[in-house]
């Protein structure tokens, strides 16, 4: 019962897509690909505008614990407005992706999405892992397993044990919890630019989680305060966009360009 409760709190997938991807009014690829263990996954790839100065960069979105990619189109549109390509994908058990979610499984899913981008012709150092909430634990693990250009942690906890003990203080979470997503332990080992985005009004994951994560991250790094509750990071969209653009300035200038035939 404890394992069932733990799993149900960490993972809240929705199998039904509430959008098709066409809502943004621009071309995109509807993608099926497989994780290393054979689980078939689903995603949407949106190419940056060709006239963007950041068109060589792609954001790999590791979304939060609830819903699916169809609930992240506002985020996708905002990142596209920053001149970036965007790859939204669903973890196993979410949306049209097969399987049942689990910690190691989500790590494999992010690696599979990363590998799809690499096969697309996008160099690893041109890929930015964007971790939303739970996705921050996945993005930080990806940064240890693969070459990235940067990591963005939006509304992310320090680790599941810290968050669980705050949400369920009557339960021995630290003793019995089997799902870790220990973001804060990974940050000192990440050697690419890191951005931490968080709101003081976040009622689910408290602001001090972001402060802890930021303190443990290596330079270069950027802390960016956003507005709104946990699920409202785009409440002040201009503030969000300004933060993303400020972070892009921290990225090394010697990125690898992507030729037009690789991006076709």
C-alpha atoms as a PDB file:
ATOM      1  CA  UNK A   1       0.000   0.000   0.000  1.00  0.00           C
ATOM      2  CA  UNK A   2       2.854   2.382   0.784  1.00  0.00           C
ATOM      3  CA  UNK A   3       4.458   1.695  -2.606  1.00  0.00           C
ATOM      4  CA  UNK A   4       1.135   2.246  -4.376  1.00  0.00           C
ATOM      5  CA  UNK A   5       0.619   5.524  -2.500  1.00  0.00           C
ATOM      6  CA  UNK A   6       4.151   6.691  -3.280  1.00  0.00           C
ATOM      7  CA  UNK A   7       3.785   5.899  -6.971  1.00  0.00           C
ATOM      8  CA  UNK A   8       0.360   7.567  -7.199  1.00  0.00           C
ATOM      9  CA  UNK A   9       1.694  10.776  -5.685  1.00  0.00           C
ATOM     10  CA  UNK A  10       4.803  11.004  -7.862  1.00  0.00           C
ATOM     11  CA  UNK A  11       3.208  10.008 -11.187  1.00  0.00           C
ATOM     12  CA  UNK A  12      -0.164  11.338 -12.363  1.00  0.00           C
ATOM     13  CA  UNK A  13      -0.260  10.559 -16.068  1.00  0.00           C
ATOM     14  CA  UNK A  14      -3.103  11.395 -18.423  1.00  0.00           C
ATOM     15  CA  UNK A  15      -3.542   9.096 -21.411  1.00  0.00           C
ATOM     16  CA  UNK A  16      -5.842  11.470 -23.307  1.00  0.00           C
ATOM     17  CA  UNK A  17      -4.278  14.193 -25.462  1.00  0.00           C
ATOM     18  CA  UNK A  18      -6.314  17.392 -25.204  1.00  0.00           C
ATOM     19  CA  UNK A  19      -4.574  18.953 -28.237  1.00  0.00           C
ATOM     20  CA  UNK A  20      -3.134  17.796 -31.533  1.00  0.00           C
ATOM     21  CA  UNK A  21      -0.068  20.035 -31.771  1.00  0.00           C
ATOM     22  CA  UNK A  22      -1.574  21.997 -34.658  1.00  0.00           C
ATOM     23  CA  UNK A  23      -2.882  24.619 -32.237  1.00  0.00           C
ATOM     24  CA  UNK A  24       0.380  26.579 -32.459  1.00  0.00           C
ATOM     25  CA  UNK A  25      -0.207  27.101 -36.170  1.00  0.00           C
ATOM     26  CA  UNK A  26       3.203  25.983 -37.346  1.00  0.00           C
ATOM     27  CA  UNK A  27       4.712  22.826 -38.864  1.00  0.00           C
ATOM     28  CA  UNK A  28       5.888  20.107 -36.509  1.00  0.00           C
ATOM     29  CA  UNK A  29       6.850  16.448 -36.507  1.00  0.00           C
ATOM     30  CA  UNK A  30       4.689  13.852 -34.759  1.00  0.00           C
ATOM     31  CA  UNK A  31       7.322  11.399 -33.542  1.00  0.00           C
ATOM     32  CA  UNK A  32       7.374   7.799 -32.340  1.00  0.00           C
ATOM     33  CA  UNK A  33      10.672   6.484 -30.985  1.00  0.00           C
ATOM     34  CA  UNK A  34      11.874   3.787 -28.605  1.00  0.00           C
ATOM     35  CA  UNK A  35      13.714   3.812 -25.311  1.00  0.00           C
ATOM     36  CA  UNK A  36      16.704   1.540 -24.756  1.00  0.00           C
ATOM     37  CA  UNK A  37      14.497  -1.098 -23.116  1.00  0.00           C
ATOM     38  CA  UNK A  38      12.119  -1.191 -26.093  1.00  0.00           C
ATOM     39  CA  UNK A  39       9.269   0.974 -24.742  1.00  0.00           C
ATOM     40  CA  UNK A  40       7.704   3.062 -27.517  1.00  0.00           C
ATOM     41  CA  UNK A  41       7.436   6.770 -26.781  1.00  0.00           C
ATOM     42  CA  UNK A  42       5.685   9.704 -28.396  1.00  0.00           C
ATOM     43  CA  UNK A  43       6.659  13.326 -28.919  1.00  0.00           C
ATOM     44  CA  UNK A  44       6.253  16.521 -30.938  1.00  0.00           C
ATOM     45  CA  UNK A  45       9.207  18.347 -32.490  1.00  0.00           C
ATOM     46  CA  UNK A  46       8.864  22.032 -33.404  1.00  0.00           C
ATOM     47  CA  UNK A  47      11.616  23.647 -35.462  1.00  0.00           C
ATOM     48  CA  UNK A  48      12.793  27.167 -34.640  1.00  0.00           C
ATOM     49  CA  UNK A  49      12.216  29.962 -37.117  1.00  0.00           C
ATOM     50  CA  UNK A  50      15.054  29.913 -39.650  1.00  0.00           C
ATOM     51  CA  UNK A  51      15.772  33.618 -39.108  1.00  0.00           C
ATOM     52  CA  UNK A  52      16.342  33.178 -35.368  1.00  0.00           C
ATOM     53  CA  UNK A  53      19.836  33.831 -33.999  1.00  0.00           C
ATOM     54  CA  UNK A  54      19.237  30.870 -31.651  1.00  0.00           C
ATOM     55  CA  UNK A  55      17.931  28.472 -34.303  1.00  0.00           C
ATOM     56  CA  UNK A  56      20.827  26.067 -33.683  1.00  0.00           C
ATOM     57  CA  UNK A  57      19.557  25.442 -30.133  1.00  0.00           C
ATOM     58  CA  UNK A  58      16.852  22.978 -29.134  1.00  0.00           C
ATOM     59  CA  UNK A  59      15.029  22.726 -25.816  1.00  0.00           C
ATOM     60  CA  UNK A  60      14.241  19.186 -24.705  1.00  0.00           C
ATOM     61  CA  UNK A  61      11.249  19.558 -22.369  1.00  0.00           C
ATOM     62  CA  UNK A  62      11.081  17.075 -19.487  1.00  0.00           C
ATOM     63  CA  UNK A  63       7.601  17.880 -18.217  1.00  0.00           C
ATOM     64  CA  UNK A  64       6.076  17.582 -14.758  1.00  0.00           C
ATOM     65  CA  UNK A  65       4.364  14.634 -13.097  1.00  0.00           C
ATOM     66  CA  UNK A  66       0.813  15.288 -14.316  1.00  0.00           C
ATOM     67  CA  UNK A  67      -0.929  15.399 -17.680  1.00  0.00           C
ATOM     68  CA  UNK A  68       0.999  14.945 -20.931  1.00  0.00           C
ATOM     69  CA  UNK A  69       2.597  16.945 -23.754  1.00  0.00           C
ATOM     70  CA  UNK A  70      -0.749  18.324 -24.931  1.00  0.00           C
ATOM     71  CA  UNK A  71      -0.859  20.397 -21.726  1.00  0.00           C
ATOM     72  CA  UNK A  72       2.514  22.040 -22.482  1.00  0.00           C
ATOM     73  CA  UNK A  73       1.720  23.897 -25.709  1.00  0.00           C
ATOM     74  CA  UNK A  74       1.767  27.296 -23.969  1.00  0.00           C
ATOM     75  CA  UNK A  75       5.251  26.531 -22.699  1.00  0.00           C
ATOM     76  CA  UNK A  76       6.246  25.287 -26.143  1.00  0.00           C
ATOM     77  CA  UNK A  77       4.944  28.442 -27.830  1.00  0.00           C
ATOM     78  CA  UNK A  78       6.821  30.623 -25.370  1.00  0.00           C
ATOM     79  CA  UNK A  79      10.112  28.803 -25.976  1.00  0.00           C
ATOM     80  CA  UNK A  80       9.552  29.046 -29.725  1.00  0.00           C
ATOM     81  CA  UNK A  81       9.082  32.791 -29.305  1.00  0.00           C
ATOM     82  CA  UNK A  82      12.586  32.838 -27.804  1.00  0.00           C
ATOM     83  CA  UNK A  83      13.852  31.552 -31.154  1.00  0.00           C
ATOM     84  CA  UNK A  84      14.508  27.975 -30.040  1.00  0.00           C
ATOM     85  CA  UNK A  85      13.494  24.601 -31.429  1.00  0.00           C
ATOM     86  CA  UNK A  86      11.438  22.536 -28.976  1.00  0.00           C
ATOM     87  CA  UNK A  87      11.006  18.800 -28.473  1.00  0.00           C
ATOM     88  CA  UNK A  88       8.095  17.789 -26.246  1.00  0.00           C
ATOM     89  CA  UNK A  89       7.941  14.110 -25.328  1.00  0.00           C
ATOM     90  CA  UNK A  90       5.884  11.968 -22.993  1.00  0.00           C
ATOM     91  CA  UNK A  91       7.394   9.602 -20.469  1.00  0.00           C
ATOM     92  CA  UNK A  92       6.252   5.996 -20.508  1.00  0.00           C
ATOM     93  CA  UNK A  93       2.659   5.733 -19.325  1.00  0.00           C
ATOM     94  CA  UNK A  94       1.843   9.313 -20.347  1.00  0.00           C
ATOM     95  CA  UNK A  95      -0.193  10.283 -23.408  1.00  0.00           C
ATOM     96  CA  UNK A  96       0.530   7.979 -26.330  1.00  0.00           C
ATOM     97  CA  UNK A  97       3.714   6.554 -24.825  1.00  0.00           C
ATOM     98  CA  UNK A  98       3.595   2.895 -23.845  1.00  0.00           C
ATOM     99  CA  UNK A  99       4.487   1.389 -20.490  1.00  0.00           C
ATOM    100  CA  UNK A 100       4.280   2.341 -16.819  1.00  0.00           C
ATOM    101  CA  UNK A 101       6.268   5.241 -15.345  1.00  0.00           C
ATOM    102  CA  UNK A 102       9.106   4.695 -12.910  1.00  0.00           C
ATOM    103  CA  UNK A 103      12.261   6.567 -11.933  1.00  0.00           C
ATOM    104  CA  UNK A 104      14.804   4.675 -14.051  1.00  0.00           C
ATOM    105  CA  UNK A 105      12.258   4.418 -16.862  1.00  0.00           C
ATOM    106  CA  UNK A 106      11.854   8.189 -17.055  1.00  0.00           C
ATOM    107  CA  UNK A 107      15.635   8.562 -17.193  1.00  0.00           C
ATOM    108  CA  UNK A 108      15.733   6.137 -20.134  1.00  0.00           C
ATOM    109  CA  UNK A 109      12.885   8.045 -21.802  1.00  0.00           C
ATOM    110  CA  UNK A 110      14.775  11.340 -21.613  1.00  0.00           C
ATOM    111  CA  UNK A 111      17.868   9.653 -23.025  1.00  0.00           C
ATOM    112  CA  UNK A 112      15.800   8.249 -25.897  1.00  0.00           C
ATOM    113  CA  UNK A 113      14.398  11.702 -26.679  1.00  0.00           C
ATOM    114  CA  UNK A 114      17.929  13.112 -26.541  1.00  0.00           C
ATOM    115  CA  UNK A 115      19.158  10.391 -28.900  1.00  0.00           C
ATOM    116  CA  UNK A 116      16.319  11.180 -31.330  1.00  0.00           C
ATOM    117  CA  UNK A 117      17.523  14.783 -31.463  1.00  0.00           C
ATOM    118  CA  UNK A 118      21.101  13.640 -32.004  1.00  0.00           C
ATOM    119  CA  UNK A 119      20.006  11.478 -34.925  1.00  0.00           C
ATOM    120  CA  UNK A 120      18.140  14.526 -36.214  1.00  0.00           C
ATOM    121  CA  UNK A 121      21.538  16.175 -36.533  1.00  0.00           C
ATOM    122  CA  UNK A 122      21.446  18.390 -33.443  1.00  0.00           C
ATOM    123  CA  UNK A 123      24.748  18.272 -31.507  1.00  0.00           C
ATOM    124  CA  UNK A 124      24.553  17.492 -27.798  1.00  0.00           C
ATOM    125  CA  UNK A 125      26.043  20.834 -26.782  1.00  0.00           C
ATOM    126  CA  UNK A 126      23.175  22.546 -28.655  1.00  0.00           C
ATOM    127  CA  UNK A 127      20.517  20.764 -26.571  1.00  0.00           C
ATOM    128  CA  UNK A 128      19.134  22.445 -23.452  1.00  0.00           C
ATOM    129  CA  UNK A 129      17.309  20.165 -21.004  1.00  0.00           C
ATOM    130  CA  UNK A 130      14.283  21.974 -19.549  1.00  0.00           C
ATOM    131  CA  UNK A 131      12.996  20.286 -16.394  1.00  0.00           C
ATOM    132  CA  UNK A 132       9.553  21.305 -15.202  1.00  0.00           C
ATOM    133  CA  UNK A 133       8.838  20.267 -11.595  1.00  0.00           C
ATOM    134  CA  UNK A 134       9.393  16.475 -11.553  1.00  0.00           C
ATOM    135  CA  UNK A 135      11.164  16.925 -14.880  1.00  0.00           C
ATOM    136  CA  UNK A 136      13.949  18.767 -13.087  1.00  0.00           C
ATOM    137  CA  UNK A 137      15.047  15.512 -11.510  1.00  0.00           C
ATOM    138  CA  UNK A 138      15.036  13.912 -14.960  1.00  0.00           C
ATOM    139  CA  UNK A 139      16.825  16.798 -16.704  1.00  0.00           C
ATOM    140  CA  UNK A 140      19.574  16.852 -14.076  1.00  0.00           C
ATOM    141  CA  UNK A 141      20.130  13.106 -14.482  1.00  0.00           C
ATOM    142  CA  UNK A 142      20.256  13.521 -18.251  1.00  0.00           C
ATOM    143  CA  UNK A 143      23.017  16.108 -17.782  1.00  0.00           C
ATOM    144  CA  UNK A 144      25.109  13.438 -16.032  1.00  0.00           C
ATOM    145  CA  UNK A 145      24.473  10.782 -18.679  1.00  0.00           C
ATOM    146  CA  UNK A 146      24.737  12.834 -21.881  1.00  0.00           C
ATOM    147  CA  UNK A 147      26.437  15.942 -23.289  1.00  0.00           C
ATOM    148  CA  UNK A 148      24.210  19.016 -23.007  1.00  0.00           C
ATOM    149  CA  UNK A 149      24.518  22.729 -23.608  1.00  0.00           C
ATOM    150  CA  UNK A 150      22.628  23.729 -20.475  1.00  0.00           C
ATOM    151  CA  UNK A 151      19.977  22.812 -17.921  1.00  0.00           C
ATOM    152  CA  UNK A 152      16.897  24.793 -16.852  1.00  0.00           C
ATOM    153  CA  UNK A 153      15.107  23.799 -13.651  1.00  0.00           C
ATOM    154  CA  UNK A 154      11.652  25.318 -13.433  1.00  0.00           C
ATOM    155  CA  UNK A 155       9.654  24.901 -10.194  1.00  0.00           C
ATOM    156  CA  UNK A 156      11.799  21.908  -9.230  1.00  0.00           C
ATOM    157  CA  UNK A 157      12.246  20.239  -5.839  1.00  0.00           C
ATOM    158  CA  UNK A 158      15.613  19.480  -4.270  1.00  0.00           C
ATOM    159  CA  UNK A 159      14.712  15.793  -3.953  1.00  0.00           C
ATOM    160  CA  UNK A 160      11.588  13.681  -3.465  1.00  0.00           C
ATOM    161  CA  UNK A 161      12.515  12.945   0.158  1.00  0.00           C
ATOM    162  CA  UNK A 162      12.627  16.663   1.024  1.00  0.00           C
ATOM    163  CA  UNK A 163       9.338  17.373  -0.726  1.00  0.00           C
ATOM    164  CA  UNK A 164       7.559  14.271   0.563  1.00  0.00           C
ATOM    165  CA  UNK A 165       8.495  14.967   4.168  1.00  0.00           C
ATOM    166  CA  UNK A 166       6.996  18.459   3.812  1.00  0.00           C
ATOM    167  CA  UNK A 167       3.777  17.328   2.112  1.00  0.00           C
ATOM    168  CA  UNK A 168       3.284  14.247   4.310  1.00  0.00           C
ATOM    169  CA  UNK A 169       5.020  15.025   7.628  1.00  0.00           C
ATOM    170  CA  UNK A 170       3.213  12.136   9.364  1.00  0.00           C
ATOM    171  CA  UNK A 171       4.825   9.536   7.076  1.00  0.00           C
ATOM    172  CA  UNK A 172       8.432   8.203   7.369  1.00  0.00           C
ATOM    173  CA  UNK A 173       9.181   9.325   3.820  1.00  0.00           C
ATOM    174  CA  UNK A 174      12.954   9.494   4.248  1.00  0.00           C
ATOM    175  CA  UNK A 175      13.105   5.944   5.601  1.00  0.00           C
ATOM    176  CA  UNK A 176      10.671   4.184   3.308  1.00  0.00           C
ATOM    177  CA  UNK A 177      10.673   6.180   0.074  1.00  0.00           C
ATOM    178  CA  UNK A 178      11.995   4.262  -2.942  1.00  0.00           C
ATOM    179  CA  UNK A 179      11.638   7.052  -5.549  1.00  0.00           C
ATOM    180  CA  UNK A 180      14.510   9.515  -5.177  1.00  0.00           C
ATOM    181  CA  UNK A 181      14.871  12.075  -8.028  1.00  0.00           C
ATOM    182  CA  UNK A 182      17.687  13.588  -5.988  1.00  0.00           C
ATOM    183  CA  UNK A 183      18.272  16.732  -8.022  1.00  0.00           C
ATOM    184  CA  UNK A 184      20.362  18.531  -5.419  1.00  0.00           C
ATOM    185  CA  UNK A 185      22.905  15.688  -5.192  1.00  0.00           C
ATOM    186  CA  UNK A 186      23.457  15.834  -8.968  1.00  0.00           C
ATOM    187  CA  UNK A 187      23.916  19.568  -9.383  1.00  0.00           C
ATOM    188  CA  UNK A 188      27.495  19.742  -8.022  1.00  0.00           C
ATOM    189  CA  UNK A 189      28.493  17.246 -10.760  1.00  0.00           C
ATOM    190  CA  UNK A 190      26.877  19.128 -13.644  1.00  0.00           C
ATOM    191  CA  UNK A 191      29.392  21.153 -15.622  1.00  0.00           C
ATOM    192  CA  UNK A 192      27.136  23.123 -17.972  1.00  0.00           C
ATOM    193  CA  UNK A 193      25.262  26.393 -17.328  1.00  0.00           C
ATOM    194  CA  UNK A 194      22.261  25.959 -15.024  1.00  0.00           C
ATOM    195  CA  UNK A 195      19.206  28.174 -14.633  1.00  0.00           C
ATOM    196  CA  UNK A 196      16.841  27.882 -11.667  1.00  0.00           C
ATOM    197  CA  UNK A 197      13.359  29.388 -12.135  1.00  0.00           C
ATOM    198  CA  UNK A 198      10.903  29.510  -9.249  1.00  0.00           C
ATOM    199  CA  UNK A 199       8.071  31.535  -7.785  1.00  0.00           C
ATOM    200  CA  UNK A 200       7.760  32.626  -4.177  1.00  0.00           C
ATOM    201  CA  UNK A 201       4.029  31.955  -4.542  1.00  0.00           C
ATOM    202  CA  UNK A 202       4.562  28.261  -5.367  1.00  0.00           C
ATOM    203  CA  UNK A 203       2.274  26.478  -2.893  1.00  0.00           C
ATOM    204  CA  UNK A 204       3.384  22.949  -3.839  1.00  0.00           C
ATOM    205  CA  UNK A 205       7.174  23.137  -4.033  1.00  0.00           C
ATOM    206  CA  UNK A 206       8.412  25.805  -1.649  1.00  0.00           C
ATOM    207  CA  UNK A 207      10.855  28.504  -2.730  1.00  0.00           C
ATOM    208  CA  UNK A 208      13.623  27.158  -0.506  1.00  0.00           C
ATOM    209  CA  UNK A 209      13.940  24.111  -2.780  1.00  0.00           C
ATOM    210  CA  UNK A 210      15.057  26.433  -5.567  1.00  0.00           C
ATOM    211  CA  UNK A 211      17.457  28.247  -3.246  1.00  0.00           C
ATOM    212  CA  UNK A 212      19.022  24.931  -2.234  1.00  0.00           C
ATOM    213  CA  UNK A 213      19.349  23.786  -5.834  1.00  0.00           C
ATOM    214  CA  UNK A 214      20.905  27.067  -6.904  1.00  0.00           C
ATOM    215  CA  UNK A 215      23.423  27.047  -4.060  1.00  0.00           C
ATOM    216  CA  UNK A 216      24.621  23.585  -5.118  1.00  0.00           C
ATOM    217  CA  UNK A 217      24.859  24.344  -8.852  1.00  0.00           C
ATOM    218  CA  UNK A 218      28.190  25.231 -10.408  1.00  0.00           C
ATOM    219  CA  UNK A 219      28.947  28.471 -12.209  1.00  0.00           C
ATOM    220  CA  UNK A 220      27.881  29.757 -14.626  1.00  0.00           C
ATOM    221  CA  UNK A 221      24.368  29.808 -13.221  1.00  0.00           C
ATOM    222  CA  UNK A 222      21.345  32.072 -13.087  1.00  0.00           C
ATOM    223  CA  UNK A 223      18.487  32.348 -10.576  1.00  0.00           C
ATOM    224  CA  UNK A 224      15.319  33.770 -12.107  1.00  0.00           C
ATOM    225  CA  UNK A 225      12.183  34.519 -10.130  1.00  0.00           C
ATOM    226  CA  UNK A 226       8.876  33.970 -11.917  1.00  0.00           C
ATOM    227  CA  UNK A 227       5.343  34.753 -10.722  1.00  0.00           C
ATOM    228  CA  UNK A 228       2.265  32.705  -9.963  1.00  0.00           C
ATOM    229  CA  UNK A 229       1.542  29.365  -8.318  1.00  0.00           C
ATOM    230  CA  UNK A 230       3.218  26.075  -9.167  1.00  0.00           C
ATOM    231  CA  UNK A 231       1.351  25.556 -12.432  1.00  0.00           C
ATOM    232  CA  UNK A 232       1.425  29.218 -13.471  1.00  0.00           C
ATOM    233  CA  UNK A 233       5.036  29.941 -14.512  1.00  0.00           C
ATOM    234  CA  UNK A 234       3.764  31.850 -17.552  1.00  0.00           C
ATOM    235  CA  UNK A 235       1.507  34.126 -15.504  1.00  0.00           C
ATOM    236  CA  UNK A 236       3.880  36.968 -16.415  1.00  0.00           C
ATOM    237  CA  UNK A 237       5.015  35.682 -19.794  1.00  0.00           C
ATOM    238  CA  UNK A 238       7.356  38.561 -20.579  1.00  0.00           C
ATOM    239  CA  UNK A 239       9.216  37.971 -17.321  1.00  0.00           C
ATOM    240  CA  UNK A 240       9.612  34.303 -18.220  1.00  0.00           C
ATOM    241  CA  UNK A 241      10.906  35.110 -21.717  1.00  0.00           C
ATOM    242  CA  UNK A 242      13.344  37.707 -20.373  1.00  0.00           C
ATOM    243  CA  UNK A 243      14.759  35.041 -18.052  1.00  0.00           C
ATOM    244  CA  UNK A 244      15.222  32.499 -20.842  1.00  0.00           C
ATOM    245  CA  UNK A 245      17.000  35.086 -23.001  1.00  0.00           C
ATOM    246  CA  UNK A 246      19.253  36.038 -20.102  1.00  0.00           C
ATOM    247  CA  UNK A 247      20.180  32.394 -19.621  1.00  0.00           C
ATOM    248  CA  UNK A 248      21.019  31.939 -23.291  1.00  0.00           C
ATOM    249  CA  UNK A 249      23.733  34.574 -22.859  1.00  0.00           C
ATOM    250  CA  UNK A 250      25.476  32.242 -20.391  1.00  0.00           C
ATOM    251  CA  UNK A 251      25.878  29.502 -22.976  1.00  0.00           C
ATOM    252  CA  UNK A 252      29.307  29.068 -24.549  1.00  0.00           C
ATOM    253  CA  UNK A 253      29.620  30.922 -27.875  1.00  0.00           C
ATOM    254  CA  UNK A 254      31.420  28.004 -29.584  1.00  0.00           C
ATOM    255  CA  UNK A 255      28.271  26.011 -30.290  1.00  0.00           C
ATOM    256  CA  UNK A 256      28.186  23.625 -33.221  1.00  0.00           C
ATOM    257  CA  UNK A 257      26.092  24.861 -36.124  1.00  0.00           C
ATOM    258  CA  UNK A 258      23.511  22.621 -37.759  1.00  0.00           C
ATOM    259  CA  UNK A 259      23.431  22.541 -41.535  1.00  0.00           C
ATOM    260  CA  UNK A 260      20.221  23.003 -43.458  1.00  0.00           C
ATOM    261  CA  UNK A 261      20.145  19.409 -44.709  1.00  0.00           C
ATOM    262  CA  UNK A 262      20.491  18.152 -41.117  1.00  0.00           C
ATOM    263  CA  UNK A 263      17.503  20.268 -40.081  1.00  0.00           C
ATOM    264  CA  UNK A 264      15.258  19.293 -42.980  1.00  0.00           C
END
